[in-house]
Amino acid sequence: MIALLSGSIFENNKDSIVLETSGGVGYLVRMTALRVGQYREGQEIKIYTYLKVSDSALDLYGFQNLEEKDFFEL
C-alpha cells in the first residue's frame, strides 16, 4: 500500500492533484476541493494516502494528516 507521498504539485484539478515525486513519477491523488484549493502548482508537499482497490479502478486519496485519513477510513 502507498502510505505517504512527497513531491511537488504538477497540476491542480477541481477534486484532485497530480503529485510528481523526485523520481519523476506522477500520482493522481483525489482530495476534497477545499484541500486542493490550499495547494498551488510547484508547491512541495507531503501527504498521507489511502489506496482504494475495486474491480474497476485503483483510486488514491490524499490527506493532510493522519486524523483526516482515519476519519475517511471509518
C-alpha atoms as a PDB file:
ATOM      1  CA  MET A   1       0.000   0.000   0.000  1.00  0.00           C
ATOM      2  CA  ILE A   2       1.114   3.555  -0.691  1.00  0.00           C
ATOM      3  CA  ALA A   3       1.027   5.267   2.729  1.00  0.00           C
ATOM      4  CA  LEU A   4       2.854   8.550   2.129  1.00  0.00           C
ATOM      5  CA  LEU A   5       3.899  10.636  -0.866  1.00  0.00           C
ATOM      6  CA  SER A   6       6.148  13.657  -1.080  1.00  0.00           C
ATOM      7  CA  GLY A   7       6.916  15.803  -4.062  1.00  0.00           C
ATOM      8  CA  SER A   8       5.718  18.863  -5.908  1.00  0.00           C
ATOM      9  CA  ILE A   9       2.275  19.701  -7.236  1.00  0.00           C
ATOM     10  CA  PHE A  10       2.419  19.259 -11.002  1.00  0.00           C
ATOM     11  CA  GLU A  11      -1.240  20.031 -11.656  1.00  0.00           C
ATOM     12  CA  ASN A  12      -4.387  21.049  -9.743  1.00  0.00           C
ATOM     13  CA  ASN A  13      -7.858  19.901 -10.768  1.00  0.00           C
ATOM     14  CA  LYS A  14     -11.200  20.538  -9.059  1.00  0.00           C
ATOM     15  CA  ASP A  15     -11.072  17.359  -6.952  1.00  0.00           C
ATOM     16  CA  SER A  16      -7.543  16.031  -7.389  1.00  0.00           C
ATOM     17  CA  ILE A  17      -3.895  16.883  -7.795  1.00  0.00           C
ATOM     18  CA  VAL A  18      -1.058  15.345  -9.749  1.00  0.00           C
ATOM     19  CA  LEU A  19       1.898  14.961  -7.405  1.00  0.00           C
ATOM     20  CA  GLU A  20       5.294  14.485  -9.051  1.00  0.00           C
ATOM     21  CA  THR A  21       7.850  12.690  -6.889  1.00  0.00           C
ATOM     22  CA  SER A  22      11.591  13.306  -7.018  1.00  0.00           C
ATOM     23  CA  GLY A  23      11.884  10.167  -9.161  1.00  0.00           C
ATOM     24  CA  GLY A  24       9.695  11.759 -11.834  1.00  0.00           C
ATOM     25  CA  VAL A  25       6.599   9.635 -11.229  1.00  0.00           C
ATOM     26  CA  GLY A  26       3.274  11.493 -11.212  1.00  0.00           C
ATOM     27  CA  TYR A  27       0.444  10.269  -8.982  1.00  0.00           C
ATOM     28  CA  LEU A  28      -3.173  11.335  -9.415  1.00  0.00           C
ATOM     29  CA  VAL A  29      -4.383  11.896  -5.858  1.00  0.00           C
ATOM     30  CA  ARG A  30      -8.054  12.562  -5.127  1.00  0.00           C
ATOM     31  CA  MET A  31      -8.748  15.167  -2.447  1.00  0.00           C
ATOM     32  CA  THR A  32     -11.559  17.440  -1.338  1.00  0.00           C
ATOM     33  CA  ALA A  33     -11.955  20.700  -3.236  1.00  0.00           C
ATOM     34  CA  LEU A  34     -11.076  22.528  -0.010  1.00  0.00           C
ATOM     35  CA  ARG A  35      -7.695  20.779   0.218  1.00  0.00           C
ATOM     36  CA  VAL A  36      -6.951  21.136  -3.485  1.00  0.00           C
ATOM     37  CA  GLY A  37      -7.577  24.867  -3.167  1.00  0.00           C
ATOM     38  CA  GLN A  38      -4.897  25.121  -0.471  1.00  0.00           C
ATOM     39  CA  TYR A  39      -2.145  23.945  -2.813  1.00  0.00           C
ATOM     40  CA  ARG A  40      -0.539  25.694  -5.754  1.00  0.00           C
ATOM     41  CA  GLU A  41       1.388  24.250  -8.670  1.00  0.00           C
ATOM     42  CA  GLY A  42       5.069  23.823  -7.901  1.00  0.00           C
ATOM     43  CA  GLN A  43       4.488  23.643  -4.134  1.00  0.00           C
ATOM     44  CA  GLU A  44       6.393  20.917  -2.277  1.00  0.00           C
ATOM     45  CA  ILE A  45       4.098  18.800  -0.083  1.00  0.00           C
ATOM     46  CA  LYS A  46       3.970  15.582   1.875  1.00  0.00           C
ATOM     47  CA  ILE A  47       0.605  13.796   2.158  1.00  0.00           C
ATOM     48  CA  TYR A  48      -0.767  10.624   3.680  1.00  0.00           C
ATOM     49  CA  THR A  49      -2.605   8.391   1.242  1.00  0.00           C
ATOM     50  CA  TYR A  50      -5.212   5.653   1.094  1.00  0.00           C
ATOM     51  CA  LEU A  51      -5.341   3.299  -1.889  1.00  0.00           C
ATOM     52  CA  LYS A  52      -8.858   2.056  -2.670  1.00  0.00           C
ATOM     53  CA  VAL A  53      -8.849  -1.095  -4.783  1.00  0.00           C
ATOM     54  CA  SER A  54     -12.016  -2.065  -6.655  1.00  0.00           C
ATOM     55  CA  ASP A  55     -12.898  -4.193  -9.660  1.00  0.00           C
ATOM     56  CA  SER A  56     -12.919  -1.186 -11.946  1.00  0.00           C
ATOM     57  CA  ALA A  57     -10.203   1.117 -10.587  1.00  0.00           C
ATOM     58  CA  LEU A  58      -7.339   1.889  -8.250  1.00  0.00           C
ATOM     59  CA  ASP A  59      -8.083   5.232  -6.565  1.00  0.00           C
ATOM     60  CA  LEU A  60      -5.533   7.080  -4.451  1.00  0.00           C
ATOM     61  CA  TYR A  61      -6.906   9.522  -1.856  1.00  0.00           C
ATOM     62  CA  GLY A  62      -4.742  12.135  -0.138  1.00  0.00           C
ATOM     63  CA  PHE A  63      -4.921  13.633   3.359  1.00  0.00           C
ATOM     64  CA  GLN A  64      -3.052  16.399   5.108  1.00  0.00           C
ATOM     65  CA  ASN A  65      -2.783  14.490   8.400  1.00  0.00           C
ATOM     66  CA  LEU A  66      -3.477  11.099   9.948  1.00  0.00           C
ATOM     67  CA  GLU A  67      -6.667  12.286  11.649  1.00  0.00           C
ATOM     68  CA  GLU A  68      -8.242  13.064   8.263  1.00  0.00           C
ATOM     69  CA  LYS A  69      -7.167   9.692   6.928  1.00  0.00           C
ATOM     70  CA  ASP A  70      -8.504   7.818   9.971  1.00  0.00           C
ATOM     71  CA  PHE A  71     -11.861   9.585   9.646  1.00  0.00           C
ATOM     72  CA  PHE A  72     -12.032   8.699   5.942  1.00  0.00           C
ATOM     73  CA  GLU A  73     -11.394   5.042   6.734  1.00  0.00           C
ATOM     74  CA  LEU A  74     -14.383   4.943   9.097  1.00  0.00           C
END
